Amino acid sequence: MKLSAFQSIRRETAGLWLGVLGVAFFGITLPATRLATGTADAPQLSPWFVTLGRAALAGMLSVLFLALTRPPLPTRVQWKPLGMAVLGNLLGYPLLLAYALRTVTAGHAAVITALLPLVTSVCAALVLRQRARPGFWVCALLGSALVVAFSALRAHSAGGHGLGFEVADLLLVGGVIAASVGYVYGAQVTPALGAERVICWVCVMALPVTLPATFLLWPAQSVSATAWAGFVYVGVFSMWAGFFAWYRGLALGGALRVGQVQLLQPFFAIAASIPLLGEPVDATTLGFALAVVATVVVGRRFA
């Protein structure tokens, strides 16, 4: 094997594992957001506060990181992709998710957000003009179908809403589209700016709005410690540290290929829900997890 081919394989493998790490951080977002916002019957922090507050927290961490590393400012051409990432990853997805989780369970939300890998792959193909063989798309569709089927079964068995059409479904679909667009545009400028600096510039761009809005929306009522813990998690890990790994993984392994590891996100959410929400895990969960992993592995060969 030639050295260049070996280095390419190492890059793709590193990109895959960084993508898995990022998805693990993101997977906990569902139960953590549920803890932060509470439910319609027992509300905690408002969806707007969680969305803008977590972005402000990540923005302050980003200012510190950029001050220590002192990177050059993004070029004029790079501001547009960064702005799209702001709209998709910093505002659109977390806000729509927070509102949806006020009225549906995390299991129901997983049914819709399980479509992230397929939508991200479509966005990558359209925006970055990445192509793959038909076998890749078959694996992507099969993996997405497995995750949707699993999430639907789990939501039904837990007494959730299943796949019934409601306003929350539209919010979640909009969140999936917003997140996918943000992921791909962030990946577009990652090779030039670096994964860590992409999410930092995204958070800093929004800081003039998110920081004052956080203080204006600061809750007047008493909020539980678990809600604050969920808020801190989505601010530090979901909005900031997770993207360090995620954007780097997309850049190294390709957004089209690495985007498929998002299929594992619901299972990370389930694992986190055991200690956070007291939800048990069973053989069905493990069986679906293994099947989804198989589609990711096979799909990489076709990519």
Protein backbone atom coordinates (compact mmCIF):
# COMPACT_ATOMS: atom_id res chain seq x y z
CA MET A 1 0.00 0.00 0.00
CA LYS A 2 1.33 3.41 -0.94
CA LEU A 3 2.12 5.86 1.84
CA SER A 4 -0.43 8.40 0.56
CA ALA A 5 -3.18 5.76 0.51
CA PHE A 6 -2.26 4.66 4.04
CA GLN A 7 -2.35 8.26 5.26
CA SER A 8 -5.73 8.75 3.60
CA ILE A 9 -7.14 5.69 5.40
CA ARG A 10 -5.74 6.94 8.70
CA ARG A 11 -7.35 10.33 8.16
CA GLU A 12 -10.72 8.76 7.36
CA THR A 13 -10.50 6.46 10.39
CA ALA A 14 -9.57 9.37 12.67
CA GLY A 15 -12.44 11.37 11.18
CA LEU A 16 -14.86 8.53 11.88
CA TRP A 17 -13.89 8.22 15.55
CA LEU A 18 -13.95 11.97 16.08
CA GLY A 19 -17.40 11.95 14.53
CA VAL A 20 -18.47 9.23 16.98
CA LEU A 21 -17.15 11.31 19.88
CA GLY A 22 -19.05 14.36 18.68
CA VAL A 23 -22.24 12.33 18.24
CA ALA A 24 -21.83 10.95 21.78
CA PHE A 25 -21.80 14.52 23.10
CA PHE A 26 -24.78 15.42 20.91
CA GLY A 27 -26.69 12.28 21.89
CA ILE A 28 -26.98 13.46 25.47
CA THR A 29 -28.52 16.71 24.21
CA LEU A 30 -32.05 15.26 24.14
CA PRO A 31 -32.27 14.18 27.80
CA ALA A 32 -30.22 17.19 28.92
CA THR A 33 -32.54 19.59 27.08
CA ARG A 34 -35.53 17.81 28.57
CA LEU A 35 -34.04 18.34 32.03
CA ALA A 36 -33.38 22.01 31.29
CA THR A 37 -36.79 22.91 29.85
CA GLY A 38 -38.96 20.56 31.86
CA THR A 39 -42.41 19.72 30.50
CA ALA A 40 -45.54 21.71 29.74
CA ASP A 41 -46.96 20.53 33.06
CA ALA A 42 -43.78 21.19 35.05
CA PRO A 43 -41.77 23.85 33.17
CA GLN A 44 -38.26 24.81 34.20
CA LEU A 45 -36.14 27.06 31.96
CA SER A 46 -37.80 28.60 28.91
CA PRO A 47 -36.80 27.30 25.45
CA TRP A 48 -35.62 30.77 24.43
CA PHE A 49 -33.42 31.08 27.52
CA VAL A 50 -31.95 27.60 26.97
CA THR A 51 -31.23 28.36 23.30
CA LEU A 52 -29.70 31.82 23.73
CA GLY A 53 -28.15 31.11 27.13
CA ARG A 54 -26.30 28.01 25.99
CA ALA A 55 -25.01 29.96 22.97
CA ALA A 56 -23.84 32.77 25.27
CA LEU A 57 -22.05 30.29 27.54
CA ALA A 58 -20.33 28.71 24.55
CA GLY A 59 -19.55 32.18 23.23
CA MET A 60 -17.70 33.19 26.39
CA LEU A 61 -15.69 29.97 26.27
CA SER A 62 -14.95 30.72 22.61
CA VAL A 63 -13.67 34.22 23.42
CA LEU A 64 -11.25 32.70 25.90
CA PHE A 65 -10.10 30.05 23.43
CA LEU A 66 -9.59 32.55 20.61
CA ALA A 67 -7.76 34.95 22.93
CA LEU A 68 -5.33 32.19 23.89
CA THR A 69 -4.75 30.88 20.35
CA ARG A 70 -4.95 34.24 18.51
CA PRO A 71 -6.03 32.95 15.08
CA PRO A 72 -6.47 35.32 12.12
CA LEU A 73 -9.93 36.67 11.44
CA PRO A 74 -12.05 34.73 8.93
CA THR A 75 -11.97 36.08 5.40
CA ARG A 76 -14.95 37.76 3.81
CA VAL A 77 -15.81 34.59 1.88
CA GLN A 78 -15.81 32.53 5.08
CA TRP A 79 -18.33 34.67 6.95
CA LYS A 80 -21.28 33.35 4.92
CA PRO A 81 -20.77 29.66 5.83
CA LEU A 82 -20.18 30.70 9.44
CA GLY A 83 -23.42 32.67 9.36
CA MET A 84 -25.29 29.64 8.03
CA ALA A 85 -23.87 27.59 10.89
CA VAL A 86 -25.11 30.24 13.33
CA LEU A 87 -28.62 30.01 11.92
CA GLY A 88 -28.63 26.22 11.77
CA ASN A 89 -26.62 24.93 14.72
CA LEU A 90 -26.70 27.79 17.19
CA LEU A 91 -30.29 29.04 16.79
CA GLY A 92 -32.51 26.86 14.62
CA TYR A 93 -31.92 23.36 15.91
CA PRO A 94 -31.69 24.04 19.66
CA LEU A 95 -34.69 26.39 19.70
CA LEU A 96 -36.99 24.07 17.74
CA LEU A 97 -35.80 21.08 19.77
CA ALA A 98 -36.40 22.86 23.08
CA TYR A 99 -39.95 23.81 22.14
CA ALA A 100 -40.73 20.31 20.87
CA LEU A 101 -39.43 18.65 24.03
CA ARG A 102 -41.87 20.69 26.08
CA THR A 103 -44.74 18.66 24.58
CA VAL A 104 -43.29 15.31 23.43
CA THR A 105 -41.02 12.75 25.05
CA ALA A 106 -37.35 12.36 24.24
CA GLY A 107 -38.20 9.00 22.65
CA HIS A 108 -40.68 10.63 20.31
CA ALA A 109 -38.16 13.34 19.41
CA ALA A 110 -35.61 10.63 18.58
CA VAL A 111 -37.99 9.29 15.90
CA ILE A 112 -37.64 12.50 13.92
CA THR A 113 -34.06 13.45 14.74
CA ALA A 114 -32.98 9.98 13.62
CA LEU A 115 -33.30 11.38 10.10
CA LEU A 116 -30.25 13.63 10.65
CA PRO A 117 -27.73 11.34 8.89
CA LEU A 118 -29.79 11.10 5.71
CA VAL A 119 -30.57 14.82 5.61
CA THR A 120 -26.92 15.70 6.33
CA SER A 121 -25.80 13.42 3.50
CA VAL A 122 -28.25 15.06 1.11
CA CYS A 123 -27.04 18.51 2.17
CA ALA A 124 -23.42 17.42 1.71
CA ALA A 125 -24.19 16.14 -1.77
CA LEU A 126 -25.93 19.39 -2.73
CA VAL A 127 -23.71 21.95 -1.00
CA LEU A 128 -20.27 20.30 -1.12
CA ARG A 129 -20.97 18.31 -4.31
CA GLN A 130 -19.82 15.08 -2.72
CA ARG A 131 -20.89 11.91 -4.47
CA ALA A 132 -21.19 8.26 -3.47
CA ARG A 133 -22.13 4.98 -5.09
CA PRO A 134 -25.75 3.76 -4.94
CA GLY A 135 -24.79 1.24 -2.25
CA PHE A 136 -24.03 4.11 0.11
CA TRP A 137 -27.51 5.56 -0.28
CA VAL A 138 -29.06 2.14 0.23
CA CYS A 139 -27.15 1.81 3.52
CA ALA A 140 -28.10 5.35 4.52
CA LEU A 141 -31.79 4.67 3.88
CA LEU A 142 -31.65 1.29 5.60
CA GLY A 143 -29.86 2.68 8.65
CA SER A 144 -32.27 5.59 8.91
CA ALA A 145 -35.23 3.20 8.59
CA LEU A 146 -33.81 1.01 11.38
CA VAL A 147 -33.36 3.98 13.69
CA VAL A 148 -36.84 5.34 12.95
CA ALA A 149 -38.39 1.90 13.50
CA PHE A 150 -36.52 1.46 16.77
CA SER A 151 -37.40 4.93 18.04
CA ALA A 152 -41.05 4.43 17.09
CA LEU A 153 -41.21 1.12 18.94
CA ARG A 154 -39.54 2.61 21.99
CA ALA A 155 -41.79 5.67 22.03
CA HIS A 156 -44.87 3.43 21.71
CA SER A 157 -43.78 1.03 24.44
CA ALA A 158 -43.06 3.97 26.76
CA GLY A 159 -46.54 5.38 26.22
CA GLY A 160 -45.32 8.20 23.99
CA HIS A 161 -47.09 9.78 21.04
CA GLY A 162 -45.66 7.43 18.43
CA LEU A 163 -45.60 8.81 14.90
CA GLY A 164 -48.80 10.80 15.16
CA PHE A 165 -48.72 14.08 13.26
CA GLU A 166 -48.62 17.17 15.46
CA VAL A 167 -47.00 20.59 15.67
CA ALA A 168 -44.00 19.19 17.55
CA ASP A 169 -43.22 16.97 14.56
CA LEU A 170 -42.96 20.03 12.32
CA LEU A 171 -40.65 21.67 14.85
CA LEU A 172 -38.42 18.59 14.94
CA VAL A 173 -38.32 18.27 11.14
CA GLY A 174 -37.35 21.93 10.93
CA GLY A 175 -34.67 21.33 13.55
CA VAL A 176 -33.25 18.39 11.59
CA ILE A 177 -33.01 20.49 8.43
CA ALA A 178 -31.46 23.40 10.32
CA ALA A 179 -28.85 21.19 12.01
CA SER A 180 -27.93 19.44 8.77
CA VAL A 181 -27.41 22.69 6.89
CA GLY A 182 -25.32 24.07 9.76
CA TYR A 183 -23.18 20.93 9.91
CA VAL A 184 -22.36 21.00 6.21
CA TYR A 185 -21.61 24.72 6.00
CA GLY A 186 -19.44 24.47 9.11
CA ALA A 187 -17.55 21.60 7.49
CA GLN A 188 -17.07 23.71 4.37
CA VAL A 189 -14.76 26.16 6.16
CA THR A 190 -13.20 23.73 8.63
CA PRO A 191 -10.17 22.84 6.42
CA ALA A 192 -9.19 26.52 6.28
CA LEU A 193 -10.12 27.68 9.77
CA GLY A 194 -9.75 24.51 11.83
CA ALA A 195 -12.53 22.64 13.61
CA GLU A 196 -12.08 24.34 16.97
CA ARG A 197 -12.07 27.83 15.49
CA VAL A 198 -15.17 27.24 13.37
CA ILE A 199 -17.50 26.68 16.30
CA CYS A 200 -15.73 29.43 18.27
CA TRP A 201 -16.27 32.00 15.52
CA VAL A 202 -19.87 30.83 15.18
CA CYS A 203 -20.51 31.39 18.89
CA VAL A 204 -18.63 34.71 18.97
CA MET A 205 -20.55 36.03 15.96
CA ALA A 206 -23.80 35.62 17.88
CA LEU A 207 -22.48 36.82 21.25
CA PRO A 208 -23.62 40.48 20.86
CA VAL A 209 -27.18 39.13 20.69
CA THR A 210 -27.06 36.03 22.87
CA LEU A 211 -25.27 37.54 25.89
CA PRO A 212 -27.64 40.46 26.59
CA ALA A 213 -30.63 38.28 25.70
CA THR A 214 -29.53 35.75 28.32
CA PHE A 215 -29.63 38.36 31.07
CA LEU A 216 -32.97 39.72 29.84
CA LEU A 217 -34.48 36.23 29.81
CA TRP A 218 -32.93 35.13 33.11
CA PRO A 219 -35.62 33.14 34.99
CA ALA A 220 -37.41 34.96 37.78
CA GLN A 221 -38.90 31.77 39.22
CA SER A 222 -37.08 29.05 41.14
CA VAL A 223 -35.40 26.45 38.91
CA SER A 224 -34.25 23.00 39.97
CA ALA A 225 -30.58 22.04 40.18
CA THR A 226 -31.09 19.31 37.56
CA ALA A 227 -32.47 21.88 35.11
CA TRP A 228 -29.39 24.06 35.60
CA ALA A 229 -27.19 20.97 35.14
CA GLY A 230 -28.92 20.20 31.85
CA PHE A 231 -28.45 23.82 30.78
CA VAL A 232 -24.72 23.78 31.58
CA TYR A 233 -24.29 20.54 29.66
CA VAL A 234 -25.97 21.82 26.49
CA GLY A 235 -23.95 25.03 26.73
CA VAL A 236 -20.52 23.49 27.28
CA PHE A 237 -20.75 20.16 25.43
CA SER A 238 -23.68 20.25 23.00
CA MET A 239 -22.96 23.78 21.78
CA TRP A 240 -19.18 23.93 22.07
CA ALA A 241 -16.92 20.97 22.90
CA GLY A 242 -18.93 18.51 20.82
CA PHE A 243 -18.36 20.57 17.70
CA PHE A 244 -14.60 20.47 18.25
CA ALA A 245 -14.73 16.76 17.55
CA TRP A 246 -17.62 16.85 15.07
CA TYR A 247 -16.31 19.45 12.62
CA ARG A 248 -12.84 17.91 12.74
CA GLY A 249 -14.32 14.51 11.98
CA LEU A 250 -16.34 15.86 9.05
CA ALA A 251 -13.25 17.55 7.63
CA LEU A 252 -10.98 14.49 7.96
CA GLY A 253 -13.42 11.78 6.91
CA GLY A 254 -15.77 13.73 4.63
CA ALA A 255 -19.21 15.05 5.54
CA LEU A 256 -20.90 12.45 3.36
CA ARG A 257 -19.26 9.50 5.12
CA VAL A 258 -18.83 10.71 8.69
CA GLY A 259 -22.37 12.11 8.68
CA GLN A 260 -23.60 8.51 8.84
CA VAL A 261 -22.38 8.01 12.42
CA GLN A 262 -25.25 10.26 13.46
CA LEU A 263 -27.26 7.03 13.18
CA LEU A 264 -25.79 6.15 16.57
CA GLN A 265 -27.03 9.34 18.23
CA PRO A 266 -30.34 7.94 19.53
CA PHE A 267 -28.49 5.13 21.27
CA PHE A 268 -26.16 7.51 23.05
CA ALA A 269 -29.29 9.38 24.11
CA ILE A 270 -30.78 6.14 25.46
CA ALA A 271 -27.63 5.31 27.40
CA ALA A 272 -27.66 8.78 28.95
CA SER A 273 -31.35 8.50 29.75
CA ILE A 274 -30.69 5.59 32.11
CA PRO A 275 -29.05 7.73 34.83
CA LEU A 276 -30.68 11.04 33.87
CA LEU A 277 -34.29 10.00 33.27
CA GLY A 278 -34.43 6.54 34.80
CA GLU A 279 -35.27 4.78 31.54
CA PRO A 280 -34.26 1.08 31.31
CA VAL A 281 -32.36 -0.54 28.44
CA ASP A 282 -33.36 -3.92 26.94
CA ALA A 283 -32.33 -6.52 24.36
CA THR A 284 -34.29 -4.74 21.63
CA THR A 285 -32.17 -1.64 22.11
CA LEU A 286 -28.94 -3.62 21.83
CA GLY A 287 -30.17 -5.50 18.77
CA PHE A 288 -31.11 -2.35 16.89
CA ALA A 289 -27.84 -0.71 17.91
CA LEU A 290 -25.83 -3.58 16.41
CA ALA A 291 -27.87 -3.46 13.20
CA VAL A 292 -27.36 0.29 12.84
CA VAL A 293 -23.62 -0.03 13.44
CA ALA A 294 -23.53 -2.63 10.66
CA THR A 295 -25.13 -0.22 8.19
CA VAL A 296 -22.60 2.48 9.12
CA VAL A 297 -19.67 0.09 8.57
CA VAL A 298 -21.00 -1.21 5.25
CA GLY A 299 -21.93 2.29 4.12
CA ARG A 300 -18.35 3.48 4.60
CA ARG A 301 -17.17 0.88 2.09
CA PHE A 302 -19.52 2.23 -0.56
CA ALA A 303 -18.65 5.87 0.19
